[in-house]
Full PDB file with SEQRES, HELIX, SHEET, SSBOND, CRYST1, ORIGX, SCALE, CONECT and MASTER records, all heavy atoms in Angstrom:
SEQRES   1 A   41  MET HIS HIS LEU THR ASP VAL GLY VAL TRP GLU LYS LEU          
SEQRES   2 A   41  LYS GLY ALA GLY ILE GLU GLN TRP ILE LYS GLU LYS LYS          
SEQRES   3 A   41  GLU ALA GLY LYS ILE ARG ASN ILE GLY PHE SER TYR HIS          
SEQRES   4 A   41  GLY ASN                                                      
HELIX    1 AA1 VAL A    7  GLY A   15  1                                   9    
HELIX    2 AA2 ILE A   18  GLU A   27  1                                  10    
CRYST1    1.000    1.000    1.000  90.00  90.00  90.00 P 1           1          
ORIGX1      1.000000  0.000000  0.000000        0.00000                         
ORIGX2      0.000000  1.000000  0.000000        0.00000                         
ORIGX3      0.000000  0.000000  1.000000        0.00000                         
SCALE1      1.000000  0.000000  0.000000        0.00000                         
SCALE2      0.000000  1.000000  0.000000        0.00000                         
SCALE3      0.000000  0.000000  1.000000        0.00000                         
ATOM      1  N   MET A   1       6.831   0.385   6.880  1.00  0.00           N  
ATOM      2  CA  MET A   1       7.261  -0.393   7.970  1.00  0.00           C  
ATOM      3  C   MET A   1       7.974  -1.705   7.474  1.00  0.00           C  
ATOM      4  O   MET A   1       7.321  -2.434   6.782  1.00  0.00           O  
ATOM      5  CB  MET A   1       6.114  -0.845   8.833  1.00  0.00           C  
ATOM      6  CG  MET A   1       5.151   0.437   9.302  1.00  0.00           C  
ATOM      7  SD  MET A   1       5.933   1.498  10.443  1.00  0.00           S  
ATOM      8  CE  MET A   1       6.312   2.883   9.275  1.00  0.00           C  
ATOM      9  N   HIS A   2       9.151  -1.785   7.706  1.00  0.00           N  
ATOM     10  CA  HIS A   2      10.060  -2.873   6.952  1.00  0.00           C  
ATOM     11  C   HIS A   2       9.785  -4.325   7.545  1.00  0.00           C  
ATOM     12  O   HIS A   2       9.809  -4.424   8.777  1.00  0.00           O  
ATOM     13  CB  HIS A   2      11.445  -2.505   7.015  1.00  0.00           C  
ATOM     14  CG  HIS A   2      12.333  -3.393   6.072  1.00  0.00           C  
ATOM     15  ND1 HIS A   2      13.653  -3.264   6.044  1.00  0.00           N  
ATOM     16  CD2 HIS A   2      11.996  -4.068   4.961  1.00  0.00           C  
ATOM     17  CE1 HIS A   2      14.172  -4.041   5.042  1.00  0.00           C  
ATOM     18  NE2 HIS A   2      13.103  -4.462   4.366  1.00  0.00           N  
ATOM     19  N   HIS A   3       9.508  -5.191   6.620  1.00  0.00           N  
ATOM     20  CA  HIS A   3       9.524  -6.581   7.062  1.00  0.00           C  
ATOM     21  C   HIS A   3       8.527  -7.018   8.099  1.00  0.00           C  
ATOM     22  O   HIS A   3       8.951  -7.652   9.090  1.00  0.00           O  
ATOM     23  CB  HIS A   3      10.970  -6.975   7.250  1.00  0.00           C  
ATOM     24  CG  HIS A   3      11.240  -8.537   7.110  1.00  0.00           C  
ATOM     25  ND1 HIS A   3      10.664  -9.438   7.975  1.00  0.00           N  
ATOM     26  CD2 HIS A   3      11.902  -9.146   6.252  1.00  0.00           C  
ATOM     27  CE1 HIS A   3      11.058 -10.680   7.609  1.00  0.00           C  
ATOM     28  NE2 HIS A   3      11.780 -10.470   6.529  1.00  0.00           N  
ATOM     29  N   LEU A   4       7.235  -6.551   8.003  1.00  0.00           N  
ATOM     30  CA  LEU A   4       6.338  -7.115   8.882  1.00  0.00           C  
ATOM     31  C   LEU A   4       6.011  -8.570   8.596  1.00  0.00           C  
ATOM     32  O   LEU A   4       5.874  -8.945   7.376  1.00  0.00           O  
ATOM     33  CB  LEU A   4       4.930  -6.283   8.811  1.00  0.00           C  
ATOM     34  CG  LEU A   4       5.083  -4.886   9.151  1.00  0.00           C  
ATOM     35  CD1 LEU A   4       3.661  -4.269   9.266  1.00  0.00           C  
ATOM     36  CD2 LEU A   4       5.908  -4.590  10.425  1.00  0.00           C  
ATOM     37  N   THR A   5       6.006  -9.433   9.504  1.00  0.00           N  
ATOM     38  CA  THR A   5       5.823 -10.950   9.385  1.00  0.00           C  
ATOM     39  C   THR A   5       4.495 -11.475   9.917  1.00  0.00           C  
ATOM     40  O   THR A   5       3.963 -12.522   9.708  1.00  0.00           O  
ATOM     41  CB  THR A   5       6.936 -11.772   9.846  1.00  0.00           C  
ATOM     42  OG1 THR A   5       6.977 -11.382  11.314  1.00  0.00           O  
ATOM     43  CG2 THR A   5       8.176 -11.415   9.204  1.00  0.00           C  
ATOM     44  N   ASP A   6       3.841 -10.499  10.750  1.00  0.00           N  
ATOM     45  CA  ASP A   6       2.740 -11.016  11.628  1.00  0.00           C  
ATOM     46  C   ASP A   6       2.116  -9.782  12.202  1.00  0.00           C  
ATOM     47  O   ASP A   6       2.695  -8.816  12.457  1.00  0.00           O  
ATOM     48  CB  ASP A   6       3.432 -11.894  12.788  1.00  0.00           C  
ATOM     49  CG  ASP A   6       2.424 -12.424  13.752  1.00  0.00           C  
ATOM     50  OD1 ASP A   6       1.954 -11.700  14.566  1.00  0.00           O  
ATOM     51  OD2 ASP A   6       1.867 -13.621  13.500  1.00  0.00           O  
ATOM     52  N   VAL A   7       0.798  -9.941  12.559  1.00  0.00           N  
ATOM     53  CA  VAL A   7       0.015  -8.749  13.090  1.00  0.00           C  
ATOM     54  C   VAL A   7       0.707  -8.355  14.497  1.00  0.00           C  
ATOM     55  O   VAL A   7       0.596  -7.177  14.891  1.00  0.00           O  
ATOM     56  CB  VAL A   7      -1.397  -9.140  13.249  1.00  0.00           C  
ATOM     57  CG1 VAL A   7      -1.681 -10.149  14.337  1.00  0.00           C  
ATOM     58  CG2 VAL A   7      -2.287  -7.791  13.566  1.00  0.00           C  
ATOM     59  N   GLY A   8       1.332  -9.288  15.108  1.00  0.00           N  
ATOM     60  CA  GLY A   8       1.995  -8.997  16.368  1.00  0.00           C  
ATOM     61  C   GLY A   8       3.118  -7.994  16.316  1.00  0.00           C  
ATOM     62  O   GLY A   8       3.378  -7.290  17.223  1.00  0.00           O  
ATOM     63  N   VAL A   9       3.805  -8.105  15.184  1.00  0.00           N  
ATOM     64  CA  VAL A   9       4.939  -7.150  14.961  1.00  0.00           C  
ATOM     65  C   VAL A   9       4.397  -5.663  14.765  1.00  0.00           C  
ATOM     66  O   VAL A   9       4.867  -4.749  15.309  1.00  0.00           O  
ATOM     67  CB  VAL A   9       5.791  -7.490  13.688  1.00  0.00           C  
ATOM     68  CG1 VAL A   9       6.913  -6.428  13.415  1.00  0.00           C  
ATOM     69  CG2 VAL A   9       6.254  -8.894  13.842  1.00  0.00           C  
ATOM     70  N   TRP A  10       3.228  -5.583  14.021  1.00  0.00           N  
ATOM     71  CA  TRP A  10       2.552  -4.303  13.883  1.00  0.00           C  
ATOM     72  C   TRP A  10       2.087  -3.837  15.232  1.00  0.00           C  
ATOM     73  O   TRP A  10       2.122  -2.679  15.610  1.00  0.00           O  
ATOM     74  CB  TRP A  10       1.445  -4.475  12.920  1.00  0.00           C  
ATOM     75  CG  TRP A  10       0.534  -3.302  12.857  1.00  0.00           C  
ATOM     76  CD1 TRP A  10      -0.868  -3.251  13.129  1.00  0.00           C  
ATOM     77  CD2 TRP A  10       0.786  -1.882  12.529  1.00  0.00           C  
ATOM     78  NE1 TRP A  10      -1.406  -2.007  12.852  1.00  0.00           N  
ATOM     79  CE2 TRP A  10      -0.373  -1.186  12.579  1.00  0.00           C  
ATOM     80  CE3 TRP A  10       2.039  -1.256  12.250  1.00  0.00           C  
ATOM     81  CZ2 TRP A  10      -0.382   0.184  12.313  1.00  0.00           C  
ATOM     82  CZ3 TRP A  10       1.971   0.176  12.068  1.00  0.00           C  
ATOM     83  CH2 TRP A  10       0.719   0.801  12.156  1.00  0.00           C  
ATOM     84  N   GLU A  11       1.526  -4.742  16.160  1.00  0.00           N  
ATOM     85  CA  GLU A  11       1.013  -4.289  17.505  1.00  0.00           C  
ATOM     86  C   GLU A  11       2.135  -3.822  18.279  1.00  0.00           C  
ATOM     87  O   GLU A  11       2.068  -2.945  19.160  1.00  0.00           O  
ATOM     88  CB  GLU A  11       0.411  -5.597  18.093  1.00  0.00           C  
ATOM     89  CG  GLU A  11      -0.971  -5.983  17.485  1.00  0.00           C  
ATOM     90  CD  GLU A  11      -2.105  -4.956  17.768  1.00  0.00           C  
ATOM     91  OE1 GLU A  11      -1.976  -4.067  18.653  1.00  0.00           O  
ATOM     92  OE2 GLU A  11      -3.056  -5.006  16.989  1.00  0.00           O  
ATOM     93  N   LYS A  12       3.321  -4.423  18.128  1.00  0.00           N  
ATOM     94  CA  LYS A  12       4.557  -3.910  18.840  1.00  0.00           C  
ATOM     95  C   LYS A  12       4.787  -2.407  18.531  1.00  0.00           C  
ATOM     96  O   LYS A  12       5.087  -1.635  19.400  1.00  0.00           O  
ATOM     97  CB  LYS A  12       5.738  -4.787  18.665  1.00  0.00           C  
ATOM     98  CG  LYS A  12       7.036  -4.450  19.336  1.00  0.00           C  
ATOM     99  CD  LYS A  12       8.287  -5.090  18.894  1.00  0.00           C  
ATOM    100  CE  LYS A  12       8.731  -4.331  17.564  1.00  0.00           C  
ATOM    101  NZ  LYS A  12      10.113  -4.716  17.116  1.00  0.00           N  
ATOM    102  N   LEU A  13       4.748  -2.158  17.305  1.00  0.00           N  
ATOM    103  CA  LEU A  13       5.030  -0.825  16.787  1.00  0.00           C  
ATOM    104  C   LEU A  13       3.931   0.137  17.355  1.00  0.00           C  
ATOM    105  O   LEU A  13       4.221   1.298  17.757  1.00  0.00           O  
ATOM    106  CB  LEU A  13       5.013  -0.740  15.270  1.00  0.00           C  
ATOM    107  CG  LEU A  13       6.373  -1.247  14.562  1.00  0.00           C  
ATOM    108  CD1 LEU A  13       6.165  -1.275  13.052  1.00  0.00           C  
ATOM    109  CD2 LEU A  13       7.532  -0.274  14.900  1.00  0.00           C  
ATOM    110  N   LYS A  14       2.710  -0.292  17.310  1.00  0.00           N  
ATOM    111  CA  LYS A  14       1.703   0.525  17.856  1.00  0.00           C  
ATOM    112  C   LYS A  14       1.960   0.811  19.328  1.00  0.00           C  
ATOM    113  O   LYS A  14       1.608   2.042  19.773  1.00  0.00           O  
ATOM    114  CB  LYS A  14       0.308  -0.237  17.698  1.00  0.00           C  
ATOM    115  CG  LYS A  14      -0.234  -0.224  16.244  1.00  0.00           C  
ATOM    116  CD  LYS A  14      -1.338  -1.217  16.051  1.00  0.00           C  
ATOM    117  CE  LYS A  14      -2.647  -0.697  16.762  1.00  0.00           C  
ATOM    118  NZ  LYS A  14      -3.720  -1.604  16.592  1.00  0.00           N  
ATOM    119  N   GLY A  15       2.487  -0.133  20.024  1.00  0.00           N  
ATOM    120  CA  GLY A  15       2.779   0.086  21.441  1.00  0.00           C  
ATOM    121  C   GLY A  15       3.893   1.162  21.614  1.00  0.00           C  
ATOM    122  O   GLY A  15       4.036   1.744  22.697  1.00  0.00           O  
ATOM    123  N   ALA A  16       4.725   1.315  20.588  1.00  0.00           N  
ATOM    124  CA  ALA A  16       5.876   2.210  20.708  1.00  0.00           C  
ATOM    125  C   ALA A  16       5.395   3.721  20.123  1.00  0.00           C  
ATOM    126  O   ALA A  16       6.137   4.548  20.077  1.00  0.00           O  
ATOM    127  CB  ALA A  16       6.989   1.752  19.840  1.00  0.00           C  
ATOM    128  N   GLY A  17       4.050   3.733  19.836  1.00  0.00           N  
ATOM    129  CA  GLY A  17       3.495   5.094  19.421  1.00  0.00           C  
ATOM    130  C   GLY A  17       3.584   5.367  17.998  1.00  0.00           C  
ATOM    131  O   GLY A  17       3.567   6.512  17.647  1.00  0.00           O  
ATOM    132  N   ILE A  18       3.716   4.281  17.139  1.00  0.00           N  
ATOM    133  CA  ILE A  18       3.821   4.516  15.659  1.00  0.00           C  
ATOM    134  C   ILE A  18       2.728   5.344  15.155  1.00  0.00           C  
ATOM    135  O   ILE A  18       2.876   6.057  14.194  1.00  0.00           O  
ATOM    136  CB  ILE A  18       4.059   3.142  14.951  1.00  0.00           C  
ATOM    137  CG1 ILE A  18       4.591   3.468  13.545  1.00  0.00           C  
ATOM    138  CG2 ILE A  18       2.778   2.320  14.849  1.00  0.00           C  
ATOM    139  CD1 ILE A  18       5.911   3.928  13.418  1.00  0.00           C  
ATOM    140  N   GLU A  19       1.487   5.047  15.490  1.00  0.00           N  
ATOM    141  CA  GLU A  19       0.367   5.719  14.825  1.00  0.00           C  
ATOM    142  C   GLU A  19       0.430   7.271  15.023  1.00  0.00           C  
ATOM    143  O   GLU A  19       0.284   8.113  14.063  1.00  0.00           O  
ATOM    144  CB  GLU A  19      -0.956   5.212  15.270  1.00  0.00           C  
ATOM    145  CG  GLU A  19      -1.189   3.776  14.908  1.00  0.00           C  
ATOM    146  CD  GLU A  19      -2.384   3.090  15.630  1.00  0.00           C  
ATOM    147  OE1 GLU A  19      -2.382   3.015  16.846  1.00  0.00           O  
ATOM    148  OE2 GLU A  19      -3.368   2.887  14.959  1.00  0.00           O  
ATOM    149  N   GLN A  20       0.653   7.779  16.222  1.00  0.00           N  
ATOM    150  CA  GLN A  20       0.841   9.185  16.457  1.00  0.00           C  
ATOM    151  C   GLN A  20       2.022   9.755  15.699  1.00  0.00           C  
ATOM    152  O   GLN A  20       2.023  10.844  15.158  1.00  0.00           O  
ATOM    153  CB  GLN A  20       0.764   9.555  17.935  1.00  0.00           C  
ATOM    154  CG  GLN A  20       0.982  10.879  18.326  1.00  0.00           C  
ATOM    155  CD  GLN A  20      -0.106  11.833  17.905  1.00  0.00           C  
ATOM    156  OE1 GLN A  20      -1.308  11.249  17.812  1.00  0.00           O  
ATOM    157  NE2 GLN A  20      -0.002  13.113  17.655  1.00  0.00           N  
ATOM    158  N   TRP A  21       3.063   8.968  15.738  1.00  0.00           N  
ATOM    159  CA  TRP A  21       4.384   9.488  14.992  1.00  0.00           C  
ATOM    160  C   TRP A  21       4.161   9.576  13.645  1.00  0.00           C  
ATOM    161  O   TRP A  21       4.591  10.583  12.983  1.00  0.00           O  
ATOM    162  CB  TRP A  21       5.412   8.392  15.250  1.00  0.00           C  
ATOM    163  CG  TRP A  21       6.814   8.639  14.748  1.00  0.00           C  
ATOM    164  CD1 TRP A  21       7.694   9.471  15.360  1.00  0.00           C  
ATOM    165  CD2 TRP A  21       7.258   8.148  13.475  1.00  0.00           C  
ATOM    166  NE1 TRP A  21       8.843   9.504  14.528  1.00  0.00           N  
ATOM    167  CE2 TRP A  21       8.595   8.836  13.459  1.00  0.00           C  
ATOM    168  CE3 TRP A  21       6.797   7.470  12.477  1.00  0.00           C  
ATOM    169  CZ2 TRP A  21       9.388   8.596  12.241  1.00  0.00           C  
ATOM    170  CZ3 TRP A  21       7.605   7.255  11.276  1.00  0.00           C  
ATOM    171  CH2 TRP A  21       8.918   7.806  11.329  1.00  0.00           C  
ATOM    172  N   ILE A  22       3.359   8.607  12.911  1.00  0.00           N  
ATOM    173  CA  ILE A  22       3.197   8.756  11.532  1.00  0.00           C  
ATOM    174  C   ILE A  22       2.356  10.079  11.320  1.00  0.00           C  
ATOM    175  O   ILE A  22       2.546  10.817  10.350  1.00  0.00           O  
ATOM    176  CB  ILE A  22       2.341   7.612  11.142  1.00  0.00           C  
ATOM    177  CG1 ILE A  22       3.321   6.312  10.971  1.00  0.00           C  
ATOM    178  CG2 ILE A  22       1.749   7.692   9.600  1.00  0.00           C  
ATOM    179  CD1 ILE A  22       2.566   4.983  10.778  1.00  0.00           C  
ATOM    180  N   LYS A  23       1.222  10.225  12.166  1.00  0.00           N  
ATOM    181  CA  LYS A  23       0.296  11.422  11.898  1.00  0.00           C  
ATOM    182  C   LYS A  23       1.260  12.667  12.000  1.00  0.00           C  
ATOM    183  O   LYS A  23       1.029  13.545  11.063  1.00  0.00           O  
ATOM    184  CB  LYS A  23      -0.687  11.384  13.134  1.00  0.00           C  
ATOM    185  CG  LYS A  23      -1.702  12.542  12.974  1.00  0.00           C  
ATOM    186  CD  LYS A  23      -2.713  12.307  14.117  1.00  0.00           C  
ATOM    187  CE  LYS A  23      -3.754  13.294  14.139  1.00  0.00           C  
ATOM    188  NZ  LYS A  23      -3.296  14.687  14.412  1.00  0.00           N  
ATOM    189  N   GLU A  24       2.126  12.838  12.912  1.00  0.00           N  
ATOM    190  CA  GLU A  24       2.935  13.975  13.106  1.00  0.00           C  
ATOM    191  C   GLU A  24       3.849  14.220  11.896  1.00  0.00           C  
ATOM    192  O   GLU A  24       3.983  15.365  11.304  1.00  0.00           O  
ATOM    193  CB  GLU A  24       3.675  13.927  14.380  1.00  0.00           C  
ATOM    194  CG  GLU A  24       2.926  14.034  15.729  1.00  0.00           C  
ATOM    195  CD  GLU A  24       3.694  13.793  16.923  1.00  0.00           C  
ATOM    196  OE1 GLU A  24       5.011  13.452  16.781  1.00  0.00           O  
ATOM    197  OE2 GLU A  24       3.183  13.808  18.019  1.00  0.00           O  
ATOM    198  N   LYS A  25       4.434  13.119  11.365  1.00  0.00           N  
ATOM    199  CA  LYS A  25       5.306  13.196  10.185  1.00  0.00           C  
ATOM    200  C   LYS A  25       4.505  13.462   8.965  1.00  0.00           C  
ATOM    201  O   LYS A  25       5.021  14.276   8.163  1.00  0.00           O  
ATOM    202  CB  LYS A  25       6.105  11.916  10.024  1.00  0.00           C  
ATOM    203  CG  LYS A  25       7.059  11.655  11.161  1.00  0.00           C  
ATOM    204  CD  LYS A  25       8.225  12.654  11.083  1.00  0.00           C  
ATOM    205  CE  LYS A  25       9.281  12.453  12.144  1.00  0.00           C  
ATOM    206  NZ  LYS A  25       8.763  12.829  13.475  1.00  0.00           N  
ATOM    207  N   LYS A  26       3.379  13.056   8.823  1.00  0.00           N  
ATOM    208  CA  LYS A  26       2.581  13.362   7.616  1.00  0.00           C  
ATOM    209  C   LYS A  26       2.224  14.885   7.613  1.00  0.00           C  
ATOM    210  O   LYS A  26       2.085  15.455   6.612  1.00  0.00           O  
ATOM    211  CB  LYS A  26       1.404  12.431   7.462  1.00  0.00           C  
ATOM    212  CG  LYS A  26       1.810  10.938   7.152  1.00  0.00           C  
ATOM    213  CD  LYS A  26       0.605  10.055   6.790  1.00  0.00           C  
ATOM    214  CE  LYS A  26       0.203  10.188   5.390  1.00  0.00           C  
ATOM    215  NZ  LYS A  26      -0.885   9.174   4.963  1.00  0.00           N  
ATOM    216  N   GLU A  27       1.665  15.280   8.799  1.00  0.00           N  
ATOM    217  CA  GLU A  27       1.309  16.657   8.971  1.00  0.00           C  
ATOM    218  C   GLU A  27       2.306  17.607   8.724  1.00  0.00           C  
ATOM    219  O   GLU A  27       2.124  18.712   8.204  1.00  0.00           O  
ATOM    220  CB  GLU A  27       0.562  16.875  10.303  1.00  0.00           C  
ATOM    221  CG  GLU A  27      -0.745  16.159  10.529  1.00  0.00           C  
ATOM    222  CD  GLU A  27      -1.232  16.372  11.937  1.00  0.00           C  
ATOM    223  OE1 GLU A  27      -0.532  16.812  12.889  1.00  0.00           O  
ATOM    224  OE2 GLU A  27      -2.411  16.071  12.241  1.00  0.00           O  
ATOM    225  N   ALA A  28       3.634  17.310   9.043  1.00  0.00           N  
ATOM    226  CA  ALA A  28       4.880  18.122   8.925  1.00  0.00           C  
ATOM    227  C   ALA A  28       5.337  18.002   7.439  1.00  0.00           C  
ATOM    228  O   ALA A  28       6.280  18.657   7.024  1.00  0.00           O  
ATOM    229  CB  ALA A  28       5.866  17.733   9.852  1.00  0.00           C  
ATOM    230  N   GLY A  29       4.744  17.077   6.674  1.00  0.00           N  
ATOM    231  CA  GLY A  29       5.128  16.875   5.215  1.00  0.00           C  
ATOM    232  C   GLY A  29       6.524  16.107   5.152  1.00  0.00           C  
ATOM    233  O   GLY A  29       7.013  16.033   4.017  1.00  0.00           O  
ATOM    234  N   LYS A  30       6.870  15.457   6.169  1.00  0.00           N  
ATOM    235  CA  LYS A  30       8.134  14.602   6.141  1.00  0.00           C  
ATOM    236  C   LYS A  30       7.834  13.233   5.578  1.00  0.00           C  
ATOM    237  O   LYS A  30       8.767  12.615   5.038  1.00  0.00           O  
ATOM    238  CB  LYS A  30       8.776  14.503   7.492  1.00  0.00           C  
ATOM    239  CG  LYS A  30       9.291  15.751   7.957  1.00  0.00           C  
ATOM    240  CD  LYS A  30      10.214  15.664   9.153  1.00  0.00           C  
ATOM    241  CE  LYS A  30      11.016  16.832   9.467  1.00  0.00           C  
ATOM    242  NZ  LYS A  30      11.975  16.677  10.599  1.00  0.00           N  
ATOM    243  N   ILE A  31       6.588  12.798   5.683  1.00  0.00           N  
ATOM    244  CA  ILE A  31       6.262  11.507   5.033  1.00  0.00           C  
ATOM    245  C   ILE A  31       4.947  11.787   4.164  1.00  0.00           C  
ATOM    246  O   ILE A  31       3.925  12.284   4.704  1.00  0.00           O  
ATOM    247  CB  ILE A  31       5.983  10.377   6.011  1.00  0.00           C  
ATOM    248  CG1 ILE A  31       7.233   9.996   6.847  1.00  0.00           C  
ATOM    249  CG2 ILE A  31       5.253   9.193   5.407  1.00  0.00           C  
ATOM    250  CD1 ILE A  31       7.009   8.945   8.045  1.00  0.00           C  
ATOM    251  N   ARG A  32       5.007  11.443   2.916  1.00  0.00           N  
ATOM    252  CA  ARG A  32       3.845  11.678   2.052  1.00  0.00           C  
ATOM    253  C   ARG A  32       2.979  10.548   1.978  1.00  0.00           C  
ATOM    254  O   ARG A  32       1.717  10.698   1.714  1.00  0.00           O  
ATOM    255  CB  ARG A  32       4.321  12.230   0.720  1.00  0.00           C  
ATOM    256  CG  ARG A  32       5.178  13.496   0.825  1.00  0.00           C  
ATOM    257  CD  ARG A  32       5.550  14.075  -0.401  1.00  0.00           C  
ATOM    258  NE  ARG A  32       6.103  15.413  -0.309  1.00  0.00           N  
ATOM    259  CZ  ARG A  32       6.559  16.148  -1.215  1.00  0.00           C  
ATOM    260  NH1 ARG A  32       6.415  15.850  -2.468  1.00  0.00           N  
ATOM    261  NH2 ARG A  32       7.129  17.415  -0.847  1.00  0.00           N  
ATOM    262  N   ASN A  33       3.517   9.322   2.023  1.00  0.00           N  
ATOM    263  CA  ASN A  33       2.682   8.045   1.838  1.00  0.00           C  
ATOM    264  C   ASN A  33       3.215   7.054   2.901  1.00  0.00           C  
ATOM    265  O   ASN A  33       4.478   6.909   2.973  1.00  0.00           O  
ATOM    266  CB  ASN A  33       2.634   7.530   0.540  1.00  0.00           C  
ATOM    267  CG  ASN A  33       1.989   8.431  -0.539  1.00  0.00           C  
ATOM    268  OD1 ASN A  33       0.749   8.403  -0.710  1.00  0.00           O  
ATOM    269  ND2 ASN A  33       2.836   9.275  -1.126  1.00  0.00           N  
ATOM    270  N   ILE A  34       2.333   6.367   3.610  1.00  0.00           N  
ATOM    271  CA  ILE A  34       2.759   5.395   4.508  1.00  0.00           C  
ATOM    272  C   ILE A  34       2.340   3.992   4.267  1.00  0.00           C  
ATOM    273  O   ILE A  34       1.179   3.785   3.653  1.00  0.00           O  
ATOM    274  CB  ILE A  34       2.336   5.822   6.005  1.00  0.00           C  
ATOM    275  CG1 ILE A  34       3.162   4.962   7.093  1.00  0.00           C  
ATOM    276  CG2 ILE A  34       0.782   5.605   6.179  1.00  0.00           C  
ATOM    277  CD1 ILE A  34       4.500   5.438   7.207  1.00  0.00           C  
ATOM    278  N   GLY A  35       3.214   2.951   4.208  1.00  0.00           N  
ATOM    279  CA  GLY A  35       2.880   1.678   3.899  1.00  0.00           C  
ATOM    280  C   GLY A  35       3.562   0.685   4.771  1.00  0.00           C  
ATOM    281  O   GLY A  35       4.266   1.029   5.797  1.00  0.00           O  
ATOM    282  N   PHE A  36       3.618  -0.601   4.314  1.00  0.00           N  
ATOM    283  CA  PHE A  36       4.400  -1.568   4.976  1.00  0.00           C  
ATOM    284  C   PHE A  36       4.874  -2.588   3.984  1.00  0.00           C  
ATOM    285  O   PHE A  36       4.187  -2.866   2.962  1.00  0.00           O  
ATOM    286  CB  PHE A  36       3.696  -2.240   6.152  1.00  0.00           C  
ATOM    287  CG  PHE A  36       2.400  -3.005   5.599  1.00  0.00           C  
ATOM    288  CD1 PHE A  36       2.386  -4.335   5.533  1.00  0.00           C  
ATOM    289  CD2 PHE A  36       1.239  -2.391   5.299  1.00  0.00           C  
ATOM    290  CE1 PHE A  36       1.270  -5.155   5.119  1.00  0.00           C  
ATOM    291  CE2 PHE A  36       0.009  -3.082   4.969  1.00  0.00           C  
ATOM    292  CZ  PHE A  36       0.140  -4.478   4.784  1.00  0.00           C  
ATOM    293  N   SER A  37       6.032  -3.317   4.211  1.00  0.00           N  
ATOM    294  CA  SER A  37       6.403  -4.407   3.390  1.00  0.00           C  
ATOM    295  C   SER A  37       6.178  -5.616   4.264  1.00  0.00           C  
ATOM    296  O   SER A  37       6.294  -5.548   5.422  1.00  0.00           O  
ATOM    297  CB  SER A  37       7.945  -4.238   2.938  1.00  0.00           C  
ATOM    298  OG  SER A  37       8.803  -4.421   4.046  1.00  0.00           O  
ATOM    299  N   TYR A  38       5.855  -6.876   3.503  1.00  0.00           N  
ATOM    300  CA  TYR A  38       5.320  -7.848   4.321  1.00  0.00           C  
ATOM    301  C   TYR A  38       5.985  -9.178   3.802  1.00  0.00           C  
ATOM    302  O   TYR A  38       6.072  -9.545   2.654  1.00  0.00           O  
ATOM    303  CB  TYR A  38       3.812  -7.973   4.125  1.00  0.00           C  
ATOM    304  CG  TYR A  38       3.171  -9.016   4.843  1.00  0.00           C  
ATOM    305  CD1 TYR A  38       2.853  -8.958   6.143  1.00  0.00           C  
ATOM    306  CD2 TYR A  38       2.678 -10.270   4.298  1.00  0.00           C  
ATOM    307  CE1 TYR A  38       2.277  -9.867   6.939  1.00  0.00           C  
ATOM    308  CE2 TYR A  38       2.096 -11.309   5.038  1.00  0.00           C  
ATOM    309  CZ  TYR A  38       1.882 -11.115   6.356  1.00  0.00           C  
ATOM    310  OH  TYR A  38       1.314 -12.124   7.007  1.00  0.00           O  
ATOM    311  N   HIS A  39       6.164 -10.037   4.800  1.00  0.00           N  
ATOM    312  CA  HIS A  39       6.666 -11.473   4.572  1.00  0.00           C  
ATOM    313  C   HIS A  39       5.850 -12.310   5.645  1.00  0.00           C  
ATOM    314  O   HIS A  39       6.207 -12.254   6.776  1.00  0.00           O  
ATOM    315  CB  HIS A  39       8.129 -11.714   4.715  1.00  0.00           C  
ATOM    316  CG  HIS A  39       8.858 -11.033   3.630  1.00  0.00           C  
ATOM    317  ND1 HIS A  39       9.035 -11.693   2.358  1.00  0.00           N  
ATOM    318  CD2 HIS A  39       9.703  -9.901   3.543  1.00  0.00           C  
ATOM    319  CE1 HIS A  39       9.782 -10.970   1.553  1.00  0.00           C  
ATOM    320  NE2 HIS A  39      10.237  -9.878   2.344  1.00  0.00           N  
ATOM    321  N   GLY A  40       4.933 -13.074   5.261  1.00  0.00           N  
ATOM    322  CA  GLY A  40       4.101 -13.840   6.095  1.00  0.00           C  
ATOM    323  C   GLY A  40       2.974 -14.468   5.367  1.00  0.00           C  
ATOM    324  O   GLY A  40       2.925 -14.442   4.119  1.00  0.00           O  
ATOM    325  N   ASN A  41       1.949 -14.948   5.968  1.00  0.00           N  
ATOM    326  CA  ASN A  41       0.791 -15.618   5.288  1.00  0.00           C  
ATOM    327  C   ASN A  41      -0.286 -14.589   4.970  1.00  0.00           C  
ATOM    328  O   ASN A  41      -0.281 -13.475   5.495  1.00  0.00           O  
ATOM    329  CB  ASN A  41       0.276 -16.814   5.989  1.00  0.00           C  
ATOM    330  CG  ASN A  41      -0.202 -16.425   7.424  1.00  0.00           C  
ATOM    331  OD1 ASN A  41      -0.926 -15.381   7.560  1.00  0.00           O  
ATOM    332  ND2 ASN A  41      -0.039 -17.277   8.393  1.00  0.00           N  
TER     333      ASN A  41                                                      
MASTER        0    0    0    2    0    0    0    6  332    1    0    4          
END                                                                             
């Protein structure tokens, strides 16, 4: 997840269904490892 600056940005992604989306992509083998890049405190 590119350039997270705040927990609110992550919450916005969760609202767009990112957790289920990641689950499906990992199960399909399209994403092997999931992470985030961060700029914030």
